Amino acid sequence: MLLLNDIKPEMSIYYCASLLIKEIKKQEGQDIVSLYKTVKEKHRISLKIFAYCLDWLYLIEAAKVDKKGGVYLCT
């Protein structure tokens, strides 16, 4: 599911995570709910895919969430 071989690669976790990174760069510190609403409006990502992407970005140490729920990119 990270990389798909079918005709819709734009639904892969890898691609959707790149969309999340772009949105986080625009407004770092945005809370998770606001980030999801922004990404959903622009790219029509489901909550399940959003959660997988955020988890994956955390696991590869590309993004972190603070105690208040703000999402930041790791540098």
PDB file of N, CA and C in Angstrom:
ATOM      1  N   MET A   1       0.823  -1.196   0.000  1.00  0.00           N
ATOM      2  CA  MET A   1       0.000   0.000   0.000  1.00  0.00           C
ATOM      3  C   MET A   1       0.861   1.251   0.000  1.00  0.00           C
ATOM      4  N   LEU A   2       2.105   1.099   0.397  1.00  0.00           N
ATOM      5  CA  LEU A   2       2.990   2.252   0.371  1.00  0.00           C
ATOM      6  C   LEU A   2       3.172   2.744  -1.059  1.00  0.00           C
ATOM      7  N   LEU A   3       3.465   1.820  -1.950  1.00  0.00           N
ATOM      8  CA  LEU A   3       3.544   2.113  -3.381  1.00  0.00           C
ATOM      9  C   LEU A   3       2.625   1.145  -4.107  1.00  0.00           C
ATOM     10  N   LEU A   4       1.702   1.660  -4.872  1.00  0.00           N
ATOM     11  CA  LEU A   4       0.743   0.813  -5.575  1.00  0.00           C
ATOM     12  C   LEU A   4       1.199   0.547  -6.997  1.00  0.00           C
ATOM     13  N   ASN A   5       0.816  -0.600  -7.518  1.00  0.00           N
ATOM     14  CA  ASN A   5       1.152  -0.954  -8.891  1.00  0.00           C
ATOM     15  C   ASN A   5      -0.032  -0.809  -9.833  1.00  0.00           C
ATOM     16  N   ASP A   6      -1.177  -0.412  -9.320  1.00  0.00           N
ATOM     17  CA  ASP A   6      -2.356  -0.326 -10.174  1.00  0.00           C
ATOM     18  C   ASP A   6      -2.435   1.023 -10.882  1.00  0.00           C
ATOM     19  N   ILE A   7      -3.600   1.350 -11.397  1.00  0.00           N
ATOM     20  CA  ILE A   7      -3.742   2.549 -12.222  1.00  0.00           C
ATOM     21  C   ILE A   7      -3.970   3.831 -11.423  1.00  0.00           C
ATOM     22  N   LYS A   8      -3.970   3.767 -10.098  1.00  0.00           N
ATOM     23  CA  LYS A   8      -4.176   4.961  -9.274  1.00  0.00           C
ATOM     24  C   LYS A   8      -3.021   5.149  -8.289  1.00  0.00           C
ATOM     25  N   PRO A   9      -1.854   5.480  -8.784  1.00  0.00           N
ATOM     26  CA  PRO A   9      -0.733   5.677  -7.856  1.00  0.00           C
ATOM     27  C   PRO A   9      -0.913   6.896  -6.951  1.00  0.00           C
ATOM     28  N   GLU A  10      -1.811   7.815  -7.314  1.00  0.00           N
ATOM     29  CA  GLU A  10      -2.039   8.994  -6.478  1.00  0.00           C
ATOM     30  C   GLU A  10      -2.733   8.647  -5.163  1.00  0.00           C
ATOM     31  N   MET A  11      -3.170   7.412  -4.997  1.00  0.00           N
ATOM     32  CA  MET A  11      -3.783   6.984  -3.742  1.00  0.00           C
ATOM     33  C   MET A  11      -2.787   6.235  -2.855  1.00  0.00           C
ATOM     34  N   SER A  12      -1.526   6.195  -3.246  1.00  0.00           N
ATOM     35  CA  SER A  12      -0.524   5.502  -2.433  1.00  0.00           C
ATOM     36  C   SER A  12      -0.157   6.357  -1.221  1.00  0.00           C
ATOM     37  N   ILE A  13       0.296   5.710  -0.173  1.00  0.00           N
ATOM     38  CA  ILE A  13       0.719   6.404   1.036  1.00  0.00           C
ATOM     39  C   ILE A  13       1.892   7.317   0.720  1.00  0.00           C
ATOM     40  N   TYR A  14       2.784   6.840  -0.113  1.00  0.00           N
ATOM     41  CA  TYR A  14       3.975   7.610  -0.492  1.00  0.00           C
ATOM     42  C   TYR A  14       3.586   8.947  -1.126  1.00  0.00           C
ATOM     43  N   TYR A  15       2.663   8.919  -2.064  1.00  0.00           N
ATOM     44  CA  TYR A  15       2.226  10.142  -2.746  1.00  0.00           C
ATOM     45  C   TYR A  15       1.436  11.047  -1.805  1.00  0.00           C
ATOM     46  N   CYS A  16       0.502  10.467  -1.084  1.00  0.00           N
ATOM     47  CA  CYS A  16      -0.336  11.269  -0.180  1.00  0.00           C
ATOM     48  C   CYS A  16       0.497  11.898   0.939  1.00  0.00           C
ATOM     49  N   ALA A  17       1.525  11.210   1.393  1.00  0.00           N
ATOM     50  CA  ALA A  17       2.402  11.776   2.419  1.00  0.00           C
ATOM     51  C   ALA A  17       3.137  13.001   1.885  1.00  0.00           C
ATOM     52  N   SER A  18       3.475  12.983   0.602  1.00  0.00           N
ATOM     53  CA  SER A  18       4.124  14.161   0.017  1.00  0.00           C
ATOM     54  C   SER A  18       3.172  15.358   0.013  1.00  0.00           C
ATOM     55  N   LEU A  19       1.882  15.093  -0.175  1.00  0.00           N
ATOM     56  CA  LEU A  19       0.892  16.171  -0.107  1.00  0.00           C
ATOM     57  C   LEU A  19       0.802  16.725   1.316  1.00  0.00           C
ATOM     58  N   LEU A  20       0.883  15.847   2.292  1.00  0.00           N
ATOM     59  CA  LEU A  20       0.873  16.286   3.686  1.00  0.00           C
ATOM     60  C   LEU A  20       2.081  17.150   3.999  1.00  0.00           C
ATOM     61  N   ILE A  21       3.239  16.752   3.514  1.00  0.00           N
ATOM     62  CA  ILE A  21       4.456  17.536   3.746  1.00  0.00           C
ATOM     63  C   ILE A  21       4.304  18.937   3.180  1.00  0.00           C
ATOM     64  N   LYS A  22       3.733  19.055   1.987  1.00  0.00           N
ATOM     65  CA  LYS A  22       3.529  20.372   1.380  1.00  0.00           C
ATOM     66  C   LYS A  22       2.612  21.232   2.245  1.00  0.00           C
ATOM     67  N   GLU A  23       1.557  20.642   2.768  1.00  0.00           N
ATOM     68  CA  GLU A  23       0.619  21.409   3.604  1.00  0.00           C
ATOM     69  C   GLU A  23       1.236  21.779   4.953  1.00  0.00           C
ATOM     70  N   ILE A  24       2.024  20.892   5.512  1.00  0.00           N
ATOM     71  CA  ILE A  24       2.679  21.195   6.791  1.00  0.00           C
ATOM     72  C   ILE A  24       3.674  22.329   6.603  1.00  0.00           C
ATOM     73  N   LYS A  25       4.397  22.324   5.470  1.00  0.00           N
ATOM     74  CA  LYS A  25       5.354  23.403   5.190  1.00  0.00           C
ATOM     75  C   LYS A  25       4.661  24.757   5.111  1.00  0.00           C
ATOM     76  N   LYS A  26       3.450  24.780   4.564  1.00  0.00           N
ATOM     77  CA  LYS A  26       2.724  26.038   4.424  1.00  0.00           C
ATOM     78  C   LYS A  26       2.364  26.633   5.777  1.00  0.00           C
ATOM     79  N   GLN A  27       2.012  25.768   6.719  1.00  0.00           N
ATOM     80  CA  GLN A  27       1.599  26.260   8.035  1.00  0.00           C
ATOM     81  C   GLN A  27       1.997  25.246   9.110  1.00  0.00           C
ATOM     82  N   GLU A  28       3.234  25.333   9.567  1.00  0.00           N
ATOM     83  CA  GLU A  28       3.696  24.435  10.619  1.00  0.00           C
ATOM     84  C   GLU A  28       3.012  24.774  11.936  1.00  0.00           C
ATOM     85  N   GLY A  29       2.776  23.770  12.740  1.00  0.00           N
ATOM     86  CA  GLY A  29       2.126  23.963  14.027  1.00  0.00           C
ATOM     87  C   GLY A  29       0.620  23.860  13.947  1.00  0.00           C
ATOM     88  N   GLN A  30       0.112  23.627  12.754  1.00  0.00           N
ATOM     89  CA  GLN A  30      -1.332  23.468  12.564  1.00  0.00           C
ATOM     90  C   GLN A  30      -1.764  22.178  13.264  1.00  0.00           C
ATOM     91  N   ASP A  31      -2.907  22.198  13.944  1.00  0.00           N
ATOM     92  CA  ASP A  31      -3.341  20.991  14.645  1.00  0.00           C
ATOM     93  C   ASP A  31      -3.800  19.932  13.642  1.00  0.00           C
ATOM     94  N   ILE A  32      -3.858  18.698  14.094  1.00  0.00           N
ATOM     95  CA  ILE A  32      -4.140  17.553  13.227  1.00  0.00           C
ATOM     96  C   ILE A  32      -5.493  17.681  12.540  1.00  0.00           C
ATOM     97  N   VAL A  33      -6.507  18.113  13.253  1.00  0.00           N
ATOM     98  CA  VAL A  33      -7.852  18.220  12.673  1.00  0.00           C
ATOM     99  C   VAL A  33      -7.879  19.267  11.557  1.00  0.00           C
ATOM    100  N   SER A  34      -7.284  20.414  11.803  1.00  0.00           N
ATOM    101  CA  SER A  34      -7.232  21.458  10.776  1.00  0.00           C
ATOM    102  C   SER A  34      -6.432  21.005   9.566  1.00  0.00           C
ATOM    103  N   LEU A  35      -5.336  20.302   9.813  1.00  0.00           N
ATOM    104  CA  LEU A  35      -4.519  19.784   8.722  1.00  0.00           C
ATOM    105  C   LEU A  35      -5.325  18.799   7.883  1.00  0.00           C
ATOM    106  N   TYR A  36      -6.059  17.916   8.538  1.00  0.00           N
ATOM    107  CA  TYR A  36      -6.885  16.948   7.809  1.00  0.00           C
ATOM    108  C   TYR A  36      -7.946  17.661   6.967  1.00  0.00           C
ATOM    109  N   LYS A  37      -8.610  18.652   7.546  1.00  0.00           N
ATOM    110  CA  LYS A  37      -9.638  19.378   6.794  1.00  0.00           C
ATOM    111  C   LYS A  37      -9.051  20.057   5.566  1.00  0.00           C
ATOM    112  N   THR A  38      -7.883  20.653   5.707  1.00  0.00           N
ATOM    113  CA  THR A  38      -7.227  21.328   4.591  1.00  0.00           C
ATOM    114  C   THR A  38      -6.862  20.334   3.493  1.00  0.00           C
ATOM    115  N   VAL A  39      -6.261  19.230   3.884  1.00  0.00           N
ATOM    116  CA  VAL A  39      -5.836  18.226   2.897  1.00  0.00           C
ATOM    117  C   VAL A  39      -7.049  17.582   2.236  1.00  0.00           C
ATOM    118  N   LYS A  40      -8.090  17.315   3.009  1.00  0.00           N
ATOM    119  CA  LYS A  40      -9.289  16.687   2.458  1.00  0.00           C
ATOM    120  C   LYS A  40      -9.954  17.587   1.423  1.00  0.00           C
ATOM    121  N   GLU A  41     -10.028  18.884   1.699  1.00  0.00           N
ATOM    122  CA  GLU A  41     -10.649  19.816   0.754  1.00  0.00           C
ATOM    123  C   GLU A  41      -9.868  19.908  -0.552  1.00  0.00           C
ATOM    124  N   LYS A  42      -8.550  19.912  -0.458  1.00  0.00           N
ATOM    125  CA  LYS A  42      -7.712  20.094  -1.644  1.00  0.00           C
ATOM    126  C   LYS A  42      -7.491  18.808  -2.433  1.00  0.00           C
ATOM    127  N   HIS A  43      -7.360  17.678  -1.720  1.00  0.00           N
ATOM    128  CA  HIS A  43      -6.919  16.459  -2.390  1.00  0.00           C
ATOM    129  C   HIS A  43      -7.838  15.257  -2.184  1.00  0.00           C
ATOM    130  N   ARG A  44      -8.919  15.410  -1.452  1.00  0.00           N
ATOM    131  CA  ARG A  44      -9.902  14.350  -1.228  1.00  0.00           C
ATOM    132  C   ARG A  44      -9.281  13.076  -0.660  1.00  0.00           C
ATOM    133  N   ILE A  45      -8.512  13.218   0.394  1.00  0.00           N
ATOM    134  CA  ILE A  45      -7.890  12.083   1.068  1.00  0.00           C
ATOM    135  C   ILE A  45      -8.795  11.622   2.212  1.00  0.00           C
ATOM    136  N   SER A  46      -8.971  10.318   2.335  1.00  0.00           N
ATOM    137  CA  SER A  46      -9.798   9.787   3.416  1.00  0.00           C
ATOM    138  C   SER A  46      -9.060   9.899   4.753  1.00  0.00           C
ATOM    139  N   LEU A  47      -9.806   9.802   5.828  1.00  0.00           N
ATOM    140  CA  LEU A  47      -9.216   9.874   7.162  1.00  0.00           C
ATOM    141  C   LEU A  47      -8.253   8.710   7.388  1.00  0.00           C
ATOM    142  N   LYS A  48      -8.587   7.548   6.871  1.00  0.00           N
ATOM    143  CA  LYS A  48      -7.735   6.370   7.020  1.00  0.00           C
ATOM    144  C   LYS A  48      -6.380   6.589   6.341  1.00  0.00           C
ATOM    145  N   ILE A  49      -6.384   7.071   5.112  1.00  0.00           N
ATOM    146  CA  ILE A  49      -5.143   7.332   4.380  1.00  0.00           C
ATOM    147  C   ILE A  49      -4.363   8.449   5.063  1.00  0.00           C
ATOM    148  N   PHE A  50      -5.059   9.486   5.544  1.00  0.00           N
ATOM    149  CA  PHE A  50      -4.414  10.585   6.257  1.00  0.00           C
ATOM    150  C   PHE A  50      -3.669  10.052   7.485  1.00  0.00           C
ATOM    151  N   ALA A  51      -4.325   9.186   8.252  1.00  0.00           N
ATOM    152  CA  ALA A  51      -3.713   8.628   9.459  1.00  0.00           C
ATOM    153  C   ALA A  51      -2.502   7.766   9.107  1.00  0.00           C
ATOM    154  N   TYR A  52      -2.623   6.943   8.057  1.00  0.00           N
ATOM    155  CA  TYR A  52      -1.475   6.132   7.617  1.00  0.00           C
ATOM    156  C   TYR A  52      -0.300   7.022   7.211  1.00  0.00           C
ATOM    157  N   CYS A  53      -0.589   8.088   6.488  1.00  0.00           N
ATOM    158  CA  CYS A  53       0.469   8.997   6.031  1.00  0.00           C
ATOM    159  C   CYS A  53       1.153   9.677   7.216  1.00  0.00           C
ATOM    160  N   LEU A  54       0.365  10.157   8.147  1.00  0.00           N
ATOM    161  CA  LEU A  54       0.933  10.822   9.314  1.00  0.00           C
ATOM    162  C   LEU A  54       1.761   9.840  10.144  1.00  0.00           C
ATOM    163  N   ASP A  55       1.275   8.616  10.292  1.00  0.00           N
ATOM    164  CA  ASP A  55       2.039   7.582  11.004  1.00  0.00           C
ATOM    165  C   ASP A  55       3.350   7.296  10.288  1.00  0.00           C
ATOM    166  N   TRP A  56       3.297   7.161   8.971  1.00  0.00           N
ATOM    167  CA  TRP A  56       4.498   6.853   8.202  1.00  0.00           C
ATOM    168  C   TRP A  56       5.518   7.984   8.300  1.00  0.00           C
ATOM    169  N   LEU A  57       5.041   9.234   8.206  1.00  0.00           N
ATOM    170  CA  LEU A  57       5.952  10.374   8.330  1.00  0.00           C
ATOM    171  C   LEU A  57       6.596  10.418   9.713  1.00  0.00           C
ATOM    172  N   TYR A  58       5.842  10.027  10.727  1.00  0.00           N
ATOM    173  CA  TYR A  58       6.400   9.960  12.081  1.00  0.00           C
ATOM    174  C   TYR A  58       7.451   8.850  12.181  1.00  0.00           C
ATOM    175  N   LEU A  59       7.148   7.693  11.620  1.00  0.00           N
ATOM    176  CA  LEU A  59       8.063   6.555  11.705  1.00  0.00           C
ATOM    177  C   LEU A  59       9.391   6.815  10.996  1.00  0.00           C
ATOM    178  N   ILE A  60       9.352   7.553   9.897  1.00  0.00           N
ATOM    179  CA  ILE A  60      10.601   7.846   9.188  1.00  0.00           C
ATOM    180  C   ILE A  60      11.233   9.141   9.686  1.00  0.00           C
ATOM    181  N   GLU A  61      10.678   9.668  10.779  1.00  0.00           N
ATOM    182  CA  GLU A  61      11.168  10.884  11.429  1.00  0.00           C
ATOM    183  C   GLU A  61      11.166  12.101  10.502  1.00  0.00           C
ATOM    184  N   ALA A  62      10.101  12.209   9.713  1.00  0.00           N
ATOM    185  CA  ALA A  62       9.938  13.364   8.830  1.00  0.00           C
ATOM    186  C   ALA A  62       8.996  14.388   9.450  1.00  0.00           C
ATOM    187  N   ALA A  63       8.112  13.938  10.351  1.00  0.00           N
ATOM    188  CA  ALA A  63       7.159  14.846  10.998  1.00  0.00           C
ATOM    189  C   ALA A  63       6.994  14.427  12.455  1.00  0.00           C
ATOM    190  N   LYS A  64       6.598  15.392  13.258  1.00  0.00           N
ATOM    191  CA  LYS A  64       6.331  15.111  14.672  1.00  0.00           C
ATOM    192  C   LYS A  64       5.098  15.893  15.100  1.00  0.00           C
ATOM    193  N   VAL A  65       4.481  15.416  16.167  1.00  0.00           N
ATOM    194  CA  VAL A  65       3.296  16.066  16.735  1.00  0.00           C
ATOM    195  C   VAL A  65       3.633  16.432  18.167  1.00  0.00           C
ATOM    196  N   ASP A  66       3.418  17.702  18.522  1.00  0.00           N
ATOM    197  CA  ASP A  66       3.720  18.117  19.893  1.00  0.00           C
ATOM    198  C   ASP A  66       2.563  17.763  20.823  1.00  0.00           C
ATOM    199  N   LYS A  67       2.705  18.081  22.093  1.00  0.00           N
ATOM    200  CA  LYS A  67       1.694  17.726  23.087  1.00  0.00           C
ATOM    201  C   LYS A  67       0.369  18.435  22.871  1.00  0.00           C
ATOM    202  N   LYS A  68       0.398  19.581  22.198  1.00  0.00           N
ATOM    203  CA  LYS A  68      -0.834  20.325  21.930  1.00  0.00           C
ATOM    204  C   LYS A  68      -1.513  19.878  20.645  1.00  0.00           C
ATOM    205  N   GLY A  69      -0.899  18.947  19.911  1.00  0.00           N
ATOM    206  CA  GLY A  69      -1.482  18.454  18.669  1.00  0.00           C
ATOM    207  C   GLY A  69      -0.995  19.144  17.425  1.00  0.00           C
ATOM    208  N   GLY A  70      -0.023  20.040  17.552  1.00  0.00           N
ATOM    209  CA  GLY A  70       0.535  20.737  16.398  1.00  0.00           C
ATOM    210  C   GLY A  70       1.475  19.833  15.625  1.00  0.00           C
ATOM    211  N   VAL A  71       1.397  19.884  14.320  1.00  0.00           N
ATOM    212  CA  VAL A  71       2.219  19.034  13.452  1.00  0.00           C
ATOM    213  C   VAL A  71       3.372  19.868  12.896  1.00  0.00           C
ATOM    214  N   TYR A  72       4.581  19.338  13.019  1.00  0.00           N
ATOM    215  CA  TYR A  72       5.807  20.025  12.569  1.00  0.00           C
ATOM    216  C   TYR A  72       6.647  19.074  11.736  1.00  0.00           C
ATOM    217  N   LEU A  73       7.426  19.616  10.833  1.00  0.00           N
ATOM    218  CA  LEU A  73       8.391  18.822  10.090  1.00  0.00           C
ATOM    219  C   LEU A  73       9.689  18.744  10.888  1.00  0.00           C
ATOM    220  N   CYS A  74      10.322  17.599  10.845  1.00  0.00           N
ATOM    221  CA  CYS A  74      11.629  17.430  11.485  1.00  0.00           C
ATOM    222  C   CYS A  74      12.691  17.944  10.519  1.00  0.00           C
ATOM    223  N   THR A  75      13.687  18.618  11.068  1.00  0.00           N
ATOM    224  CA  THR A  75      14.745  19.139  10.199  1.00  0.00           C
ATOM    225  C   THR A  75      16.019  18.392  10.384  1.00  0.00           C
TER     226      THR A  75
END
